[in-house]
ModelCIF file with pLDDT and N, C-alpha, C, O atoms, coordinates in Angstrom:
data_MODEL
#
_entry.id   MODEL 
#
_entity.id                         1 
_entity.type                       polymer 
_entity.pdbx_number_of_molecules   1 
#
_entity_poly.entity_id                      1 
_entity_poly.type                           'polypeptide(L)' 
_entity_poly.nstd_linkage                   no 
_entity_poly.nstd_monomer                   no 
_entity_poly.pdbx_seq_one_letter_code       SGINFRLYTMNWYRQAPEKQRERVATATSDGTTNYTESVKGRFT 
_entity_poly.pdbx_seq_one_letter_code_can   SGINFRLYTMNWYRQAPEKQRERVATATSDGTTNYTESVKGRFT 
_entity_poly.pdbx_strand_id                 A 
#
loop_
_entity_poly_seq.entity_id 
_entity_poly_seq.num 
_entity_poly_seq.mon_id 
_entity_poly_seq.hetero 
1 1  SER n 
1 2  GLY n 
1 3  ILE n 
1 4  ASN n 
1 5  PHE n 
1 6  ARG n 
1 7  LEU n 
1 8  TYR n 
1 9  THR n 
1 10 MET n 
1 11 ASN n 
1 12 TRP n 
1 13 TYR n 
1 14 ARG n 
1 15 GLN n 
1 16 ALA n 
1 17 PRO n 
1 18 GLU n 
1 19 LYS n 
1 20 GLN n 
1 21 ARG n 
1 22 GLU n 
1 23 ARG n 
1 24 VAL n 
1 25 ALA n 
1 26 THR n 
1 27 ALA n 
1 28 THR n 
1 29 SER n 
1 30 ASP n 
1 31 GLY n 
1 32 THR n 
1 33 THR n 
1 34 ASN n 
1 35 TYR n 
1 36 THR n 
1 37 GLU n 
1 38 SER n 
1 39 VAL n 
1 40 LYS n 
1 41 GLY n 
1 42 ARG n 
1 43 PHE n 
1 44 THR n 
#
_struct_asym.id          A 
_struct_asym.entity_id   1 
#
loop_
_ma_qa_metric.id 
_ma_qa_metric.mode 
_ma_qa_metric.name 
_ma_qa_metric.software_group_id 
_ma_qa_metric.type 
1 global pLDDT . pLDDT 
2 local  pLDDT . pLDDT 
#
_ma_qa_metric_global.metric_id      1 
_ma_qa_metric_global.metric_value   96.20 
_ma_qa_metric_global.model_id       1 
_ma_qa_metric_global.ordinal_id     1 
#
loop_
_ma_qa_metric_local.label_asym_id 
_ma_qa_metric_local.label_comp_id 
_ma_qa_metric_local.label_seq_id 
_ma_qa_metric_local.metric_id 
_ma_qa_metric_local.metric_value 
_ma_qa_metric_local.model_id 
_ma_qa_metric_local.ordinal_id 
A SER 1  2 93.00 1 1  
A GLY 2  2 91.00 1 2  
A ILE 3  2 90.00 1 3  
A ASN 4  2 91.00 1 4  
A PHE 5  2 94.00 1 5  
A ARG 6  2 95.00 1 6  
A LEU 7  2 95.00 1 7  
A TYR 8  2 96.00 1 8  
A THR 9  2 97.00 1 9  
A MET 10 2 98.00 1 10 
A ASN 11 2 98.00 1 11 
A TRP 12 2 98.00 1 12 
A TYR 13 2 98.00 1 13 
A ARG 14 2 98.00 1 14 
A GLN 15 2 98.00 1 15 
A ALA 16 2 96.00 1 16 
A PRO 17 2 92.00 1 17 
A GLU 18 2 94.00 1 18 
A LYS 19 2 96.00 1 19 
A GLN 20 2 97.00 1 20 
A ARG 21 2 97.00 1 21 
A GLU 22 2 97.00 1 22 
A ARG 23 2 98.00 1 23 
A VAL 24 2 98.00 1 24 
A ALA 25 2 98.00 1 25 
A THR 26 2 98.00 1 26 
A ALA 27 2 98.00 1 27 
A THR 28 2 97.00 1 28 
A SER 29 2 95.00 1 29 
A ASP 30 2 93.00 1 30 
A GLY 31 2 88.00 1 31 
A THR 32 2 97.00 1 32 
A THR 33 2 98.00 1 33 
A ASN 34 2 97.00 1 34 
A TYR 35 2 98.00 1 35 
A THR 36 2 98.00 1 36 
A GLU 37 2 98.00 1 37 
A SER 38 2 97.00 1 38 
A VAL 39 2 98.00 1 39 
A LYS 40 2 98.00 1 40 
A GLY 41 2 98.00 1 41 
A ARG 42 2 98.00 1 42 
A PHE 43 2 98.00 1 43 
A THR 44 2 98.00 1 44 
#
loop_
_atom_site.group_PDB 
_atom_site.id 
_atom_site.type_symbol 
_atom_site.label_atom_id 
_atom_site.label_alt_id 
_atom_site.label_comp_id 
_atom_site.label_asym_id 
_atom_site.label_entity_id 
_atom_site.label_seq_id 
_atom_site.pdbx_PDB_ins_code 
_atom_site.Cartn_x 
_atom_site.Cartn_y 
_atom_site.Cartn_z 
_atom_site.occupancy 
_atom_site.B_iso_or_equiv 
_atom_site.pdbx_formal_charge 
_atom_site.auth_seq_id 
_atom_site.auth_comp_id 
_atom_site.auth_asym_id 
_atom_site.auth_atom_id 
_atom_site.pdbx_PDB_model_num 
ATOM 1   N N  . SER A 1 1  ? 108.076 75.432 115.617 1.00 93.00 ? 1  SER A N  1 
ATOM 2   C CA . SER A 1 1  ? 108.806 74.990 116.768 1.00 93.00 ? 1  SER A CA 1 
ATOM 3   C C  . SER A 1 1  ? 110.135 74.541 116.118 1.00 93.00 ? 1  SER A C  1 
ATOM 4   O O  . SER A 1 1  ? 110.234 74.113 114.968 1.00 93.00 ? 1  SER A O  1 
ATOM 5   N N  . GLY A 1 2  ? 111.257 74.713 117.106 1.00 91.00 ? 2  GLY A N  1 
ATOM 6   C CA . GLY A 1 2  ? 112.534 74.156 116.691 1.00 91.00 ? 2  GLY A CA 1 
ATOM 7   C C  . GLY A 1 2  ? 113.290 75.132 115.728 1.00 91.00 ? 2  GLY A C  1 
ATOM 8   O O  . GLY A 1 2  ? 114.339 74.704 115.249 1.00 91.00 ? 2  GLY A O  1 
ATOM 9   N N  . ILE A 1 3  ? 112.881 76.397 115.386 1.00 90.00 ? 3  ILE A N  1 
ATOM 10  C CA . ILE A 1 3  ? 113.602 77.117 114.559 1.00 90.00 ? 3  ILE A CA 1 
ATOM 11  C C  . ILE A 1 3  ? 113.355 78.610 115.271 1.00 90.00 ? 3  ILE A C  1 
ATOM 12  O O  . ILE A 1 3  ? 112.360 78.893 115.938 1.00 90.00 ? 3  ILE A O  1 
ATOM 13  N N  . ASN A 1 4  ? 114.460 79.491 114.989 1.00 91.00 ? 4  ASN A N  1 
ATOM 14  C CA . ASN A 1 4  ? 114.384 80.916 115.384 1.00 91.00 ? 4  ASN A CA 1 
ATOM 15  C C  . ASN A 1 4  ? 113.500 81.588 114.372 1.00 91.00 ? 4  ASN A C  1 
ATOM 16  O O  . ASN A 1 4  ? 113.902 82.161 113.359 1.00 91.00 ? 4  ASN A O  1 
ATOM 17  N N  . PHE A 1 5  ? 112.159 81.445 114.786 1.00 94.00 ? 5  PHE A N  1 
ATOM 18  C CA . PHE A 1 5  ? 111.129 81.811 113.759 1.00 94.00 ? 5  PHE A CA 1 
ATOM 19  C C  . PHE A 1 5  ? 111.305 83.352 113.257 1.00 94.00 ? 5  PHE A C  1 
ATOM 20  O O  . PHE A 1 5  ? 111.060 83.667 112.093 1.00 94.00 ? 5  PHE A O  1 
ATOM 21  N N  . ARG A 1 6  ? 111.728 84.234 114.185 1.00 95.00 ? 6  ARG A N  1 
ATOM 22  C CA . ARG A 1 6  ? 111.685 85.670 113.746 1.00 95.00 ? 6  ARG A CA 1 
ATOM 23  C C  . ARG A 1 6  ? 112.884 86.111 112.836 1.00 95.00 ? 6  ARG A C  1 
ATOM 24  O O  . ARG A 1 6  ? 113.062 87.277 112.482 1.00 95.00 ? 6  ARG A O  1 
ATOM 25  N N  . LEU A 1 7  ? 113.745 84.978 112.473 1.00 95.00 ? 7  LEU A N  1 
ATOM 26  C CA . LEU A 1 7  ? 114.876 85.192 111.566 1.00 95.00 ? 7  LEU A CA 1 
ATOM 27  C C  . LEU A 1 7  ? 114.541 84.969 109.982 1.00 95.00 ? 7  LEU A C  1 
ATOM 28  O O  . LEU A 1 7  ? 115.093 85.455 108.995 1.00 95.00 ? 7  LEU A O  1 
ATOM 29  N N  . TYR A 1 8  ? 113.556 84.157 110.077 1.00 96.00 ? 8  TYR A N  1 
ATOM 30  C CA . TYR A 1 8  ? 113.438 83.648 108.653 1.00 96.00 ? 8  TYR A CA 1 
ATOM 31  C C  . TYR A 1 8  ? 112.212 84.116 107.808 1.00 96.00 ? 8  TYR A C  1 
ATOM 32  O O  . TYR A 1 8  ? 111.139 84.362 108.359 1.00 96.00 ? 8  TYR A O  1 
ATOM 33  N N  . THR A 1 9  ? 112.398 84.240 106.403 1.00 97.00 ? 9  THR A N  1 
ATOM 34  C CA . THR A 1 9  ? 111.126 84.487 105.707 1.00 97.00 ? 9  THR A CA 1 
ATOM 35  C C  . THR A 1 9  ? 110.181 83.285 105.852 1.00 97.00 ? 9  THR A C  1 
ATOM 36  O O  . THR A 1 9  ? 110.624 82.137 105.889 1.00 97.00 ? 9  THR A O  1 
ATOM 37  N N  . MET A 1 10 ? 108.914 83.558 105.929 1.00 98.00 ? 10 MET A N  1 
ATOM 38  C CA . MET A 1 10 ? 107.918 82.475 106.029 1.00 98.00 ? 10 MET A CA 1 
ATOM 39  C C  . MET A 1 10 ? 107.060 82.649 104.643 1.00 98.00 ? 10 MET A C  1 
ATOM 40  O O  . MET A 1 10 ? 106.852 83.758 104.149 1.00 98.00 ? 10 MET A O  1 
ATOM 41  N N  . ASN A 1 11 ? 106.613 81.488 104.105 1.00 98.00 ? 11 ASN A N  1 
ATOM 42  C CA . ASN A 1 11 ? 105.727 81.436 102.969 1.00 98.00 ? 11 ASN A CA 1 
ATOM 43  C C  . ASN A 1 11 ? 104.528 80.454 103.049 1.00 98.00 ? 11 ASN A C  1 
ATOM 44  O O  . ASN A 1 11 ? 104.614 79.344 103.573 1.00 98.00 ? 11 ASN A O  1 
ATOM 45  N N  . TRP A 1 12 ? 103.490 80.920 102.528 1.00 98.00 ? 12 TRP A N  1 
ATOM 46  C CA . TRP A 1 12 ? 102.219 80.029 102.331 1.00 98.00 ? 12 TRP A CA 1 
ATOM 47  C C  . TRP A 1 12 ? 102.362 79.566 100.886 1.00 98.00 ? 12 TRP A C  1 
ATOM 48  O O  . TRP A 1 12 ? 102.596 80.414 100.024 1.00 98.00 ? 12 TRP A O  1 
ATOM 49  N N  . TYR A 1 13 ? 102.228 78.186 100.536 1.00 98.00 ? 13 TYR A N  1 
ATOM 50  C CA . TYR A 1 13 ? 102.141 77.661 99.170  1.00 98.00 ? 13 TYR A CA 1 
ATOM 51  C C  . TYR A 1 13 ? 100.780 77.010 99.212  1.00 98.00 ? 13 TYR A C  1 
ATOM 52  O O  . TYR A 1 13 ? 100.182 76.802 100.267 1.00 98.00 ? 13 TYR A O  1 
ATOM 53  N N  . ARG A 1 14 ? 100.313 76.697 98.007  1.00 98.00 ? 14 ARG A N  1 
ATOM 54  C CA . ARG A 1 14 ? 99.031  75.897 97.786  1.00 98.00 ? 14 ARG A CA 1 
ATOM 55  C C  . ARG A 1 14 ? 99.166  74.902 96.653  1.00 98.00 ? 14 ARG A C  1 
ATOM 56  O O  . ARG A 1 14 ? 99.799  75.209 95.643  1.00 98.00 ? 14 ARG A O  1 
ATOM 57  N N  . GLN A 1 15 ? 98.581  73.699 96.791  1.00 98.00 ? 15 GLN A N  1 
ATOM 58  C CA . GLN A 1 15 ? 98.549  72.864 95.621  1.00 98.00 ? 15 GLN A CA 1 
ATOM 59  C C  . GLN A 1 15 ? 97.113  72.243 95.367  1.00 98.00 ? 15 GLN A C  1 
ATOM 60  O O  . GLN A 1 15 ? 96.591  71.363 96.052  1.00 98.00 ? 15 GLN A O  1 
ATOM 61  N N  . ALA A 1 16 ? 96.570  72.868 94.250  1.00 96.00 ? 16 ALA A N  1 
ATOM 62  C CA . ALA A 1 16 ? 95.259  72.265 93.809  1.00 96.00 ? 16 ALA A CA 1 
ATOM 63  C C  . ALA A 1 16 ? 95.503  71.035 93.139  1.00 96.00 ? 16 ALA A C  1 
ATOM 64  O O  . ALA A 1 16 ? 96.605  70.768 92.658  1.00 96.00 ? 16 ALA A O  1 
ATOM 65  N N  . PRO A 1 17 ? 94.364  70.154 93.079  1.00 92.00 ? 17 PRO A N  1 
ATOM 66  C CA . PRO A 1 17 ? 94.434  68.803 92.417  1.00 92.00 ? 17 PRO A CA 1 
ATOM 67  C C  . PRO A 1 17 ? 95.003  68.984 90.814  1.00 92.00 ? 17 PRO A C  1 
ATOM 68  O O  . PRO A 1 17 ? 94.668  69.861 90.019  1.00 92.00 ? 17 PRO A O  1 
ATOM 69  N N  . GLU A 1 18 ? 95.867  67.989 90.623  1.00 94.00 ? 18 GLU A N  1 
ATOM 70  C CA . GLU A 1 18 ? 96.399  67.993 89.297  1.00 94.00 ? 18 GLU A CA 1 
ATOM 71  C C  . GLU A 1 18 ? 97.303  69.145 88.944  1.00 94.00 ? 18 GLU A C  1 
ATOM 72  O O  . GLU A 1 18 ? 97.731  69.207 87.791  1.00 94.00 ? 18 GLU A O  1 
ATOM 73  N N  . LYS A 1 19 ? 97.683  70.202 89.961  1.00 96.00 ? 19 LYS A N  1 
ATOM 74  C CA . LYS A 1 19 ? 98.399  71.314 89.360  1.00 96.00 ? 19 LYS A CA 1 
ATOM 75  C C  . LYS A 1 19 ? 99.850  71.278 90.181  1.00 96.00 ? 19 LYS A C  1 
ATOM 76  O O  . LYS A 1 19 ? 100.214 70.416 90.981  1.00 96.00 ? 19 LYS A O  1 
ATOM 77  N N  . GLN A 1 20 ? 100.430 72.233 89.833  1.00 97.00 ? 20 GLN A N  1 
ATOM 78  C CA . GLN A 1 20 ? 101.930 72.355 90.602  1.00 97.00 ? 20 GLN A CA 1 
ATOM 79  C C  . GLN A 1 20 ? 101.735 73.165 91.877  1.00 97.00 ? 20 GLN A C  1 
ATOM 80  O O  . GLN A 1 20 ? 100.916 74.084 91.862  1.00 97.00 ? 20 GLN A O  1 
ATOM 81  N N  . ARG A 1 21 ? 102.292 72.943 92.765  1.00 97.00 ? 21 ARG A N  1 
ATOM 82  C CA . ARG A 1 21 ? 102.458 73.748 94.053  1.00 97.00 ? 21 ARG A CA 1 
ATOM 83  C C  . ARG A 1 21 ? 102.936 75.115 93.677  1.00 97.00 ? 21 ARG A C  1 
ATOM 84  O O  . ARG A 1 21 ? 103.936 75.268 92.976  1.00 97.00 ? 21 ARG A O  1 
ATOM 85  N N  . GLU A 1 22 ? 102.251 76.073 94.123  1.00 97.00 ? 22 GLU A N  1 
ATOM 86  C CA . GLU A 1 22 ? 102.508 77.537 93.891  1.00 97.00 ? 22 GLU A CA 1 
ATOM 87  C C  . GLU A 1 22 ? 102.651 78.251 95.313  1.00 97.00 ? 22 GLU A C  1 
ATOM 88  O O  . GLU A 1 22 ? 102.097 77.885 96.349  1.00 97.00 ? 22 GLU A O  1 
ATOM 89  N N  . ARG A 1 23 ? 103.552 79.402 95.146  1.00 98.00 ? 23 ARG A N  1 
ATOM 90  C CA . ARG A 1 23 ? 103.675 80.215 96.371  1.00 98.00 ? 23 ARG A CA 1 
ATOM 91  C C  . ARG A 1 23 ? 102.553 81.201 96.364  1.00 98.00 ? 23 ARG A C  1 
ATOM 92  O O  . ARG A 1 23 ? 102.280 81.814 95.332  1.00 98.00 ? 23 ARG A O  1 
ATOM 93  N N  . VAL A 1 24 ? 101.898 81.376 97.471  1.00 98.00 ? 24 VAL A N  1 
ATOM 94  C CA . VAL A 1 24 ? 100.860 82.285 97.557  1.00 98.00 ? 24 VAL A CA 1 
ATOM 95  C C  . VAL A 1 24 ? 101.093 83.573 98.155  1.00 98.00 ? 24 VAL A C  1 
ATOM 96  O O  . VAL A 1 24 ? 100.665 84.645 97.728  1.00 98.00 ? 24 VAL A O  1 
ATOM 97  N N  . ALA A 1 25 ? 101.921 83.357 99.346  1.00 98.00 ? 25 ALA A N  1 
ATOM 98  C CA . ALA A 1 25 ? 102.430 84.765 100.093 1.00 98.00 ? 25 ALA A CA 1 
ATOM 99  C C  . ALA A 1 25 ? 103.495 84.517 100.834 1.00 98.00 ? 25 ALA A C  1 
ATOM 100 O O  . ALA A 1 25 ? 103.720 83.439 101.383 1.00 98.00 ? 25 ALA A O  1 
ATOM 101 N N  . THR A 1 26 ? 104.262 85.598 100.885 1.00 98.00 ? 26 THR A N  1 
ATOM 102 C CA . THR A 1 26 ? 105.550 85.683 101.767 1.00 98.00 ? 26 THR A CA 1 
ATOM 103 C C  . THR A 1 26 ? 105.522 86.809 102.701 1.00 98.00 ? 26 THR A C  1 
ATOM 104 O O  . THR A 1 26 ? 105.030 87.915 102.475 1.00 98.00 ? 26 THR A O  1 
ATOM 105 N N  . ALA A 1 27 ? 106.087 86.425 103.750 1.00 98.00 ? 27 ALA A N  1 
ATOM 106 C CA . ALA A 1 27 ? 106.435 87.564 104.851 1.00 98.00 ? 27 ALA A CA 1 
ATOM 107 C C  . ALA A 1 27 ? 107.791 87.315 105.222 1.00 98.00 ? 27 ALA A C  1 
ATOM 108 O O  . ALA A 1 27 ? 108.180 86.207 105.589 1.00 98.00 ? 27 ALA A O  1 
ATOM 109 N N  . THR A 1 28 ? 108.677 88.545 105.114 1.00 97.00 ? 28 THR A N  1 
ATOM 110 C CA . THR A 1 28 ? 110.116 88.353 105.412 1.00 97.00 ? 28 THR A CA 1 
ATOM 111 C C  . THR A 1 28 ? 110.256 88.684 106.908 1.00 97.00 ? 28 THR A C  1 
ATOM 112 O O  . THR A 1 28 ? 109.340 89.049 107.645 1.00 97.00 ? 28 THR A O  1 
ATOM 113 N N  . SER A 1 29 ? 111.501 88.505 107.230 1.00 95.00 ? 29 SER A N  1 
ATOM 114 C CA . SER A 1 29 ? 111.785 88.724 108.721 1.00 95.00 ? 29 SER A CA 1 
ATOM 115 C C  . SER A 1 29 ? 111.517 90.301 109.005 1.00 95.00 ? 29 SER A C  1 
ATOM 116 O O  . SER A 1 29 ? 111.216 90.662 110.143 1.00 95.00 ? 29 SER A O  1 
ATOM 117 N N  . ASP A 1 30 ? 111.614 91.062 108.133 1.00 93.00 ? 30 ASP A N  1 
ATOM 118 C CA . ASP A 1 30 ? 111.394 92.458 108.590 1.00 93.00 ? 30 ASP A CA 1 
ATOM 119 C C  . ASP A 1 30 ? 110.056 92.942 108.292 1.00 93.00 ? 30 ASP A C  1 
ATOM 120 O O  . ASP A 1 30 ? 109.765 94.137 108.358 1.00 93.00 ? 30 ASP A O  1 
ATOM 121 N N  . GLY A 1 31 ? 109.240 92.024 107.966 1.00 88.00 ? 31 GLY A N  1 
ATOM 122 C CA . GLY A 1 31 ? 107.849 92.516 107.745 1.00 88.00 ? 31 GLY A CA 1 
ATOM 123 C C  . GLY A 1 31 ? 107.352 92.508 106.473 1.00 88.00 ? 31 GLY A C  1 
ATOM 124 O O  . GLY A 1 31 ? 106.173 92.226 106.263 1.00 88.00 ? 31 GLY A O  1 
ATOM 125 N N  . THR A 1 32 ? 108.310 92.857 105.383 1.00 97.00 ? 32 THR A N  1 
ATOM 126 C CA . THR A 1 32 ? 107.734 93.096 104.102 1.00 97.00 ? 32 THR A CA 1 
ATOM 127 C C  . THR A 1 32 ? 106.917 91.646 103.564 1.00 97.00 ? 32 THR A C  1 
ATOM 128 O O  . THR A 1 32 ? 107.246 90.496 103.857 1.00 97.00 ? 32 THR A O  1 
ATOM 129 N N  . THR A 1 33 ? 105.897 92.021 102.795 1.00 98.00 ? 33 THR A N  1 
ATOM 130 C CA . THR A 1 33 ? 104.900 91.025 102.363 1.00 98.00 ? 33 THR A CA 1 
ATOM 131 C C  . THR A 1 33 ? 104.947 90.900 100.893 1.00 98.00 ? 33 THR A C  1 
ATOM 132 O O  . THR A 1 33 ? 105.461 91.866 100.328 1.00 98.00 ? 33 THR A O  1 
ATOM 133 N N  . ASN A 1 34 ? 104.540 89.956 100.157 1.00 97.00 ? 34 ASN A N  1 
ATOM 134 C CA . ASN A 1 34 ? 104.277 89.935 98.753  1.00 97.00 ? 34 ASN A CA 1 
ATOM 135 C C  . ASN A 1 34 ? 103.269 88.859 98.545  1.00 97.00 ? 34 ASN A C  1 
ATOM 136 O O  . ASN A 1 34 ? 103.058 88.018 99.418  1.00 97.00 ? 34 ASN A O  1 
ATOM 137 N N  . TYR A 1 35 ? 102.616 88.870 97.357  1.00 98.00 ? 35 TYR A N  1 
ATOM 138 C CA . TYR A 1 35 ? 101.437 88.012 96.963  1.00 98.00 ? 35 TYR A CA 1 
ATOM 139 C C  . TYR A 1 35 ? 101.434 87.565 95.733  1.00 98.00 ? 35 TYR A C  1 
ATOM 140 O O  . TYR A 1 35 ? 101.817 88.357 94.872  1.00 98.00 ? 35 TYR A O  1 
ATOM 141 N N  . THR A 1 36 ? 101.058 86.353 95.360  1.00 98.00 ? 36 THR A N  1 
ATOM 142 C CA . THR A 1 36 ? 100.782 86.049 94.030  1.00 98.00 ? 36 THR A CA 1 
ATOM 143 C C  . THR A 1 36 ? 99.671  86.794 93.538  1.00 98.00 ? 36 THR A C  1 
ATOM 144 O O  . THR A 1 36 ? 98.766  87.080 94.322  1.00 98.00 ? 36 THR A O  1 
ATOM 145 N N  . GLU A 1 37 ? 99.615  87.167 92.278  1.00 98.00 ? 37 GLU A N  1 
ATOM 146 C CA . GLU A 1 37 ? 98.711  88.087 91.696  1.00 98.00 ? 37 GLU A CA 1 
ATOM 147 C C  . GLU A 1 37 ? 97.242  87.679 92.064  1.00 98.00 ? 37 GLU A C  1 
ATOM 148 O O  . GLU A 1 37 ? 96.446  88.465 92.577  1.00 98.00 ? 37 GLU A O  1 
ATOM 149 N N  . SER A 1 38 ? 96.983  86.484 91.779  1.00 97.00 ? 38 SER A N  1 
ATOM 150 C CA . SER A 1 38 ? 95.703  86.026 92.020  1.00 97.00 ? 38 SER A CA 1 
ATOM 151 C C  . SER A 1 38 ? 94.958  86.305 93.390  1.00 97.00 ? 38 SER A C  1 
ATOM 152 O O  . SER A 1 38 ? 93.732  86.327 93.502  1.00 97.00 ? 38 SER A O  1 
ATOM 153 N N  . VAL A 1 39 ? 95.792  86.498 94.337  1.00 98.00 ? 39 VAL A N  1 
ATOM 154 C CA . VAL A 1 39 ? 95.148  86.538 95.635  1.00 98.00 ? 39 VAL A CA 1 
ATOM 155 C C  . VAL A 1 39 ? 95.383  88.128 96.121  1.00 98.00 ? 39 VAL A C  1 
ATOM 156 O O  . VAL A 1 39 ? 95.065  88.404 97.278  1.00 98.00 ? 39 VAL A O  1 
ATOM 157 N N  . LYS A 1 40 ? 95.775  88.875 95.506  1.00 98.00 ? 40 LYS A N  1 
ATOM 158 C CA . LYS A 1 40 ? 96.155  90.281 96.002  1.00 98.00 ? 40 LYS A CA 1 
ATOM 159 C C  . LYS A 1 40 ? 94.897  91.023 96.117  1.00 98.00 ? 40 LYS A C  1 
ATOM 160 O O  . LYS A 1 40 ? 94.026  91.065 95.248  1.00 98.00 ? 40 LYS A O  1 
ATOM 161 N N  . GLY A 1 41 ? 94.863  91.698 97.438  1.00 98.00 ? 41 GLY A N  1 
ATOM 162 C CA . GLY A 1 41 ? 93.599  92.345 97.800  1.00 98.00 ? 41 GLY A CA 1 
ATOM 163 C C  . GLY A 1 41 ? 92.644  91.370 98.585  1.00 98.00 ? 41 GLY A C  1 
ATOM 164 O O  . GLY A 1 41 ? 91.711  91.820 99.251  1.00 98.00 ? 41 GLY A O  1 
ATOM 165 N N  . ARG A 1 42 ? 92.891  90.084 98.493  1.00 98.00 ? 42 ARG A N  1 
ATOM 166 C CA . ARG A 1 42 ? 92.010  89.104 99.203  1.00 98.00 ? 42 ARG A CA 1 
ATOM 167 C C  . ARG A 1 42 ? 92.544  88.499 100.370 1.00 98.00 ? 42 ARG A C  1 
ATOM 168 O O  . ARG A 1 42 ? 91.956  88.387 101.446 1.00 98.00 ? 42 ARG A O  1 
ATOM 169 N N  . PHE A 1 43 ? 93.784  88.085 100.077 1.00 98.00 ? 43 PHE A N  1 
ATOM 170 C CA . PHE A 1 43 ? 94.671  87.436 101.286 1.00 98.00 ? 43 PHE A CA 1 
ATOM 171 C C  . PHE A 1 43 ? 95.732  88.481 102.081 1.00 98.00 ? 43 PHE A C  1 
ATOM 172 O O  . PHE A 1 43 ? 96.343  89.420 101.570 1.00 98.00 ? 43 PHE A O  1 
ATOM 173 N N  . THR A 1 44 ? 95.760  88.114 103.232 1.00 98.00 ? 44 THR A N  1 
ATOM 174 C CA . THR A 1 44 ? 96.681  88.988 104.012 1.00 98.00 ? 44 THR A CA 1 
ATOM 175 C C  . THR A 1 44 ? 97.662  87.902 104.753 1.00 98.00 ? 44 THR A C  1 
ATOM 176 O O  . THR A 1 44 ? 98.563  88.291 105.496 1.00 98.00 ? 44 THR A O  1 
#
């Protein structure tokens, strides 16, 4: 809410206990997606 959602790249990150936050997946405004290697084929 409060942003023009469709214009922006959106990301999912995760942070496991005692680990750095890592980017898991990205969806650009034109629908392009990419994933960190460890979740490819399992996450969408």
